Amino acid sequence: MRPSVESLFVFVLTALSALGCGMASTASEHAAKDGGTWDRDPVSTSPPKLHNFGVDMTQLVDESLLRPITVDLPISLFGSPDPEGSGVRPNMAFRVQPSTMVISPLAAEVERVLFQAGYGDWEVHLRSPAHPRWLTIVDHVVDLQVQAGEQLEAGSIIGGATPWGSGYALVELHVIREPATRTDDIVHVCPVALVDNEPDMQYLQERLNAWSWPISGCVCQVIAEVPGNDGDLFCDANP
């Protein structure tokens, strides 16, 4: 039986409490943008609930399309080995049909959009006013349809998924808790524990069962990172 959203959510809160604080490699960038101010609102330390994974899950490609060209399956799990060699993956990646649209996982403001010249696509940062310590990132977006300062509803179209291989496109979802002070860890959180959408969760479960992968959808639930540390990332709490 699949763990409920509520049980995974409670697990994440417990893990975060044990770690103390958290976010991603963008924390130092935010500090610079904020004039070096790291102190943030200590209220609303719980993560936001997500309404989707940033894509329509029924648009995941069939694994038979990927096997001739890569060892990857349609989903790369949070905490799985990072192909870029940084320990484990601090996000989830979804390989979808080429025409798949990227949608906002939650109601939030577009904090900023970053063009990634190496990929020729965009990274979009979203922040919910109700959860100011938390940053949700959708990465690898083309045909961008939003701009910084725009208010989005959950499900709003952000753009298209980046064409990545022969016959498929890629998008990544990243949820990060930013440090409240310079000494706090950055904390990456598995999105599965935060998604409150039964059809998406059921579809994810069916695909995971077909591949005999971790039933929770996460290799681990949280990854702590010391700000400024360029070393590899490793799982801190197992589901």
Protein backbone atom coordinates (compact mmCIF):
# COMPACT_ATOMS: atom_id res chain seq x y z
CA MET A 1 0.00 0.00 0.00
CA ARG A 2 1.29 3.46 -0.91
CA PRO A 3 2.06 5.74 2.04
CA SER A 4 -0.57 8.49 2.25
CA VAL A 5 0.27 12.10 1.41
CA GLU A 6 -0.36 12.93 5.05
CA SER A 7 2.08 10.32 6.37
CA LEU A 8 4.81 11.40 3.96
CA PHE A 9 4.16 15.03 4.84
CA VAL A 10 4.50 14.25 8.56
CA PHE A 11 7.71 12.33 7.85
CA VAL A 12 9.17 15.34 6.05
CA LEU A 13 8.24 17.66 8.91
CA THR A 14 9.87 15.28 11.39
CA ALA A 15 13.02 15.05 9.27
CA LEU A 16 13.19 18.82 8.90
CA SER A 17 12.79 19.25 12.63
CA ALA A 18 15.68 16.87 13.22
CA LEU A 19 17.87 18.72 10.72
CA GLY A 20 16.97 22.16 11.99
CA CYS A 21 16.61 24.18 8.78
CA GLY A 22 17.03 24.26 5.06
CA MET A 23 17.28 25.02 0.88
CA ALA A 24 19.45 24.56 -2.46
CA SER A 25 22.50 25.86 -4.19
CA THR A 26 20.54 29.01 -4.99
CA ALA A 27 20.61 30.14 -1.36
CA SER A 28 23.78 32.17 -1.76
CA GLU A 29 22.33 33.78 -4.89
CA HIS A 30 19.27 34.85 -2.94
CA ALA A 31 21.44 36.24 -0.17
CA ALA A 32 23.30 38.35 -2.71
CA LYS A 33 20.07 39.48 -4.31
CA ASP A 34 18.71 40.49 -0.90
CA GLY A 35 21.78 42.56 -0.15
CA GLY A 36 23.37 39.87 1.98
CA THR A 37 20.38 39.48 4.30
CA TRP A 38 19.91 35.84 5.26
CA ASP A 39 17.36 36.26 8.04
CA ARG A 40 13.89 35.31 6.81
CA ASP A 41 10.44 35.08 8.31
CA PRO A 42 10.68 32.25 10.87
CA VAL A 43 6.93 31.71 10.65
CA SER A 44 5.41 29.18 8.24
CA THR A 45 8.32 26.77 8.33
CA SER A 46 6.18 23.91 7.04
CA PRO A 47 6.45 23.23 3.30
CA PRO A 48 3.67 24.16 0.88
CA LYS A 49 1.34 21.54 -0.52
CA LEU A 50 1.75 21.02 -4.27
CA HIS A 51 -1.18 20.41 -6.60
CA ASN A 52 0.80 18.63 -9.31
CA PHE A 53 4.33 17.62 -10.35
CA GLY A 54 4.71 20.46 -12.84
CA VAL A 55 3.48 18.32 -15.74
CA ASP A 56 0.49 16.18 -16.65
CA MET A 57 1.66 12.78 -15.44
CA THR A 58 -0.22 10.97 -18.19
CA GLN A 59 2.27 12.56 -20.62
CA LEU A 60 5.17 10.47 -19.30
CA VAL A 61 6.80 8.58 -22.15
CA ASP A 62 6.87 4.80 -22.27
CA GLU A 63 10.11 3.32 -21.01
CA SER A 64 10.52 1.41 -24.26
CA LEU A 65 11.29 4.74 -25.96
CA LEU A 66 14.24 5.35 -23.63
CA ARG A 67 15.91 1.96 -23.38
CA PRO A 68 17.63 2.03 -26.78
CA ILE A 69 19.30 5.37 -26.00
CA THR A 70 19.69 5.72 -22.23
CA VAL A 71 19.58 3.85 -18.93
CA ASP A 72 17.07 6.38 -17.58
CA LEU A 73 13.40 5.60 -17.02
CA PRO A 74 10.65 8.20 -17.50
CA ILE A 75 11.10 9.41 -13.91
CA SER A 76 14.37 10.09 -12.09
CA LEU A 77 13.64 9.82 -8.39
CA PHE A 78 14.67 12.33 -5.75
CA GLY A 79 17.80 10.93 -4.07
CA SER A 80 18.81 8.73 -7.01
CA PRO A 81 22.39 8.98 -8.36
CA ASP A 82 22.96 12.34 -10.03
CA PRO A 83 24.19 11.92 -13.62
CA GLU A 84 26.16 15.16 -13.28
CA GLY A 85 28.27 13.56 -10.56
CA SER A 86 27.13 15.55 -7.50
CA GLY A 87 26.21 12.59 -5.31
CA VAL A 88 22.44 12.22 -5.39
CA ARG A 89 19.75 14.07 -7.29
CA PRO A 90 18.09 16.88 -5.22
CA ASN A 91 15.05 17.01 -7.52
CA MET A 92 12.75 14.85 -9.64
CA ALA A 93 13.03 14.66 -13.42
CA PHE A 94 10.17 13.73 -15.74
CA ARG A 95 10.61 12.56 -19.35
CA VAL A 96 7.43 13.43 -21.20
CA GLN A 97 5.91 13.72 -24.65
CA PRO A 98 7.55 16.50 -26.73
CA SER A 99 4.43 18.69 -26.75
CA THR A 100 3.91 18.57 -22.96
CA MET A 101 3.26 21.88 -21.22
CA VAL A 102 4.93 22.78 -17.93
CA ILE A 103 2.39 23.95 -15.33
CA SER A 104 2.72 25.64 -11.96
CA PRO A 105 2.67 23.13 -9.09
CA LEU A 106 1.09 25.69 -6.72
CA ALA A 107 -0.39 29.15 -6.42
CA ALA A 108 2.67 31.38 -6.22
CA GLU A 109 4.49 34.43 -7.49
CA VAL A 110 7.10 34.07 -10.20
CA GLU A 111 10.08 35.30 -8.22
CA ARG A 112 12.47 35.19 -11.16
CA VAL A 113 13.26 33.43 -14.41
CA LEU A 114 16.79 32.41 -15.35
CA PHE A 115 17.92 31.69 -18.89
CA GLN A 116 20.31 28.73 -19.07
CA ALA A 117 22.50 29.29 -22.11
CA GLY A 118 24.02 25.81 -21.90
CA TYR A 119 20.62 24.22 -22.36
CA GLY A 120 18.87 26.98 -24.28
CA ASP A 121 15.97 26.94 -21.82
CA TRP A 122 14.63 28.55 -18.63
CA GLU A 123 14.55 27.87 -14.91
CA VAL A 124 11.53 29.36 -13.15
CA HIS A 125 11.50 30.16 -9.42
CA LEU A 126 8.13 30.22 -7.63
CA ARG A 127 7.36 31.39 -4.09
CA SER A 128 4.08 31.14 -2.21
CA PRO A 129 3.35 34.15 0.04
CA ALA A 130 2.01 31.72 2.64
CA HIS A 131 5.34 29.85 2.71
CA PRO A 132 8.06 32.52 2.31
CA ARG A 133 10.91 30.25 3.40
CA TRP A 134 10.22 27.81 0.56
CA LEU A 135 11.21 27.95 -3.08
CA THR A 136 9.70 25.74 -5.78
CA ILE A 137 11.69 25.50 -9.03
CA VAL A 138 10.60 24.12 -12.38
CA ASP A 139 13.65 23.63 -14.57
CA HIS A 140 14.07 23.11 -18.32
CA VAL A 141 11.27 25.22 -19.77
CA VAL A 142 11.05 26.45 -23.37
CA ASP A 143 8.57 28.86 -24.97
CA LEU A 144 8.36 30.70 -21.65
CA GLN A 145 4.92 32.21 -20.99
CA VAL A 146 5.48 33.88 -17.60
CA GLN A 147 7.59 36.71 -16.24
CA ALA A 148 8.98 37.75 -12.87
CA GLY A 149 6.38 39.29 -10.60
CA GLU A 150 3.46 37.45 -12.19
CA GLN A 151 0.96 35.73 -9.90
CA LEU A 152 0.13 32.16 -10.91
CA GLU A 153 -2.58 29.76 -9.90
CA ALA A 154 -1.85 26.06 -9.50
CA GLY A 155 -2.00 24.58 -12.98
CA SER A 156 -1.17 27.83 -14.82
CA ILE A 157 0.87 27.23 -17.96
CA ILE A 158 4.54 28.22 -17.56
CA GLY A 159 5.83 27.05 -20.94
CA GLY A 160 6.84 23.83 -22.67
CA ALA A 161 9.12 21.01 -21.53
CA THR A 162 12.59 21.15 -23.09
CA PRO A 163 13.19 18.71 -25.98
CA TRP A 164 15.88 16.42 -24.63
CA GLY A 165 16.27 13.24 -26.61
CA SER A 166 14.83 11.41 -29.54
CA GLY A 167 11.09 11.69 -29.11
CA TYR A 168 10.85 13.08 -25.60
CA ALA A 169 11.21 16.23 -23.49
CA LEU A 170 12.44 16.83 -19.93
CA VAL A 171 11.38 18.93 -16.95
CA GLU A 172 12.66 18.92 -13.37
CA LEU A 173 10.86 19.81 -10.13
CA HIS A 174 12.79 21.06 -7.14
CA VAL A 175 11.48 22.06 -3.68
CA ILE A 176 13.86 23.87 -1.36
CA ARG A 177 13.75 25.29 2.14
CA GLU A 178 16.03 28.28 2.39
CA PRO A 179 18.25 28.87 5.42
CA ALA A 180 16.97 31.33 8.01
CA THR A 181 20.54 32.26 9.03
CA ARG A 182 24.05 31.80 7.64
CA THR A 183 24.60 28.74 9.83
CA ASP A 184 21.48 26.87 8.78
CA ASP A 185 21.52 24.10 6.21
CA ILE A 186 19.91 24.32 2.82
CA VAL A 187 17.27 21.57 2.65
CA HIS A 188 16.05 19.84 -0.51
CA VAL A 189 12.74 18.00 -0.08
CA CYS A 190 11.25 15.19 -2.14
CA PRO A 191 8.21 16.62 -3.98
CA VAL A 192 6.22 13.38 -3.67
CA ALA A 193 5.61 14.03 0.02
CA LEU A 194 4.08 17.40 -0.80
CA VAL A 195 1.79 16.59 -3.73
CA ASP A 196 -1.90 16.55 -2.76
CA ASN A 197 -3.38 15.20 -5.99
CA GLU A 198 -4.75 11.67 -5.84
CA PRO A 199 -4.91 10.99 -9.62
CA ASP A 200 -1.28 12.08 -10.07
CA MET A 201 -0.18 10.05 -7.06
CA GLN A 202 -2.05 6.99 -8.26
CA TYR A 203 -0.51 7.28 -11.73
CA LEU A 204 2.95 7.69 -10.20
CA GLN A 205 2.32 4.63 -8.04
CA GLU A 206 1.34 2.53 -11.04
CA ARG A 207 4.50 3.47 -12.91
CA LEU A 208 6.71 2.86 -9.87
CA ASN A 209 5.15 -0.54 -9.28
CA ALA A 210 5.80 -1.47 -12.90
CA TRP A 211 9.50 -0.70 -12.43
CA SER A 212 9.75 -2.19 -8.89
CA TRP A 213 11.04 1.14 -7.58
CA PRO A 214 10.70 2.57 -4.03
CA ILE A 215 7.00 2.65 -3.30
CA SER A 216 7.20 6.09 -1.69
CA GLY A 217 8.53 7.62 -4.92
CA CYS A 218 11.62 8.90 -3.10
CA VAL A 219 14.96 7.23 -2.46
CA CYS A 220 15.07 9.52 0.56
CA GLN A 221 12.86 12.34 1.81
CA VAL A 222 15.31 15.17 2.51
CA ILE A 223 18.84 16.19 1.58
CA ALA A 224 20.71 18.72 3.69
CA GLU A 225 23.37 20.93 2.14
CA VAL A 226 25.80 23.28 3.86
CA PRO A 227 25.65 26.71 2.15
CA GLY A 228 28.80 27.35 0.14
CA ASN A 229 29.81 23.68 0.17
CA ASP A 230 30.49 22.45 -3.37
CA GLY A 231 30.78 18.82 -2.31
CA ASP A 232 28.50 15.97 -3.31
CA LEU A 233 24.98 15.75 -1.88
CA PHE A 234 23.80 12.72 0.08
CA CYS A 235 20.51 11.55 1.55
CA ASP A 236 19.87 12.42 5.18
CA ALA A 237 16.64 10.59 5.98
CA ASN A 238 15.23 7.44 4.47
CA PRO A 239 11.49 6.86 3.86
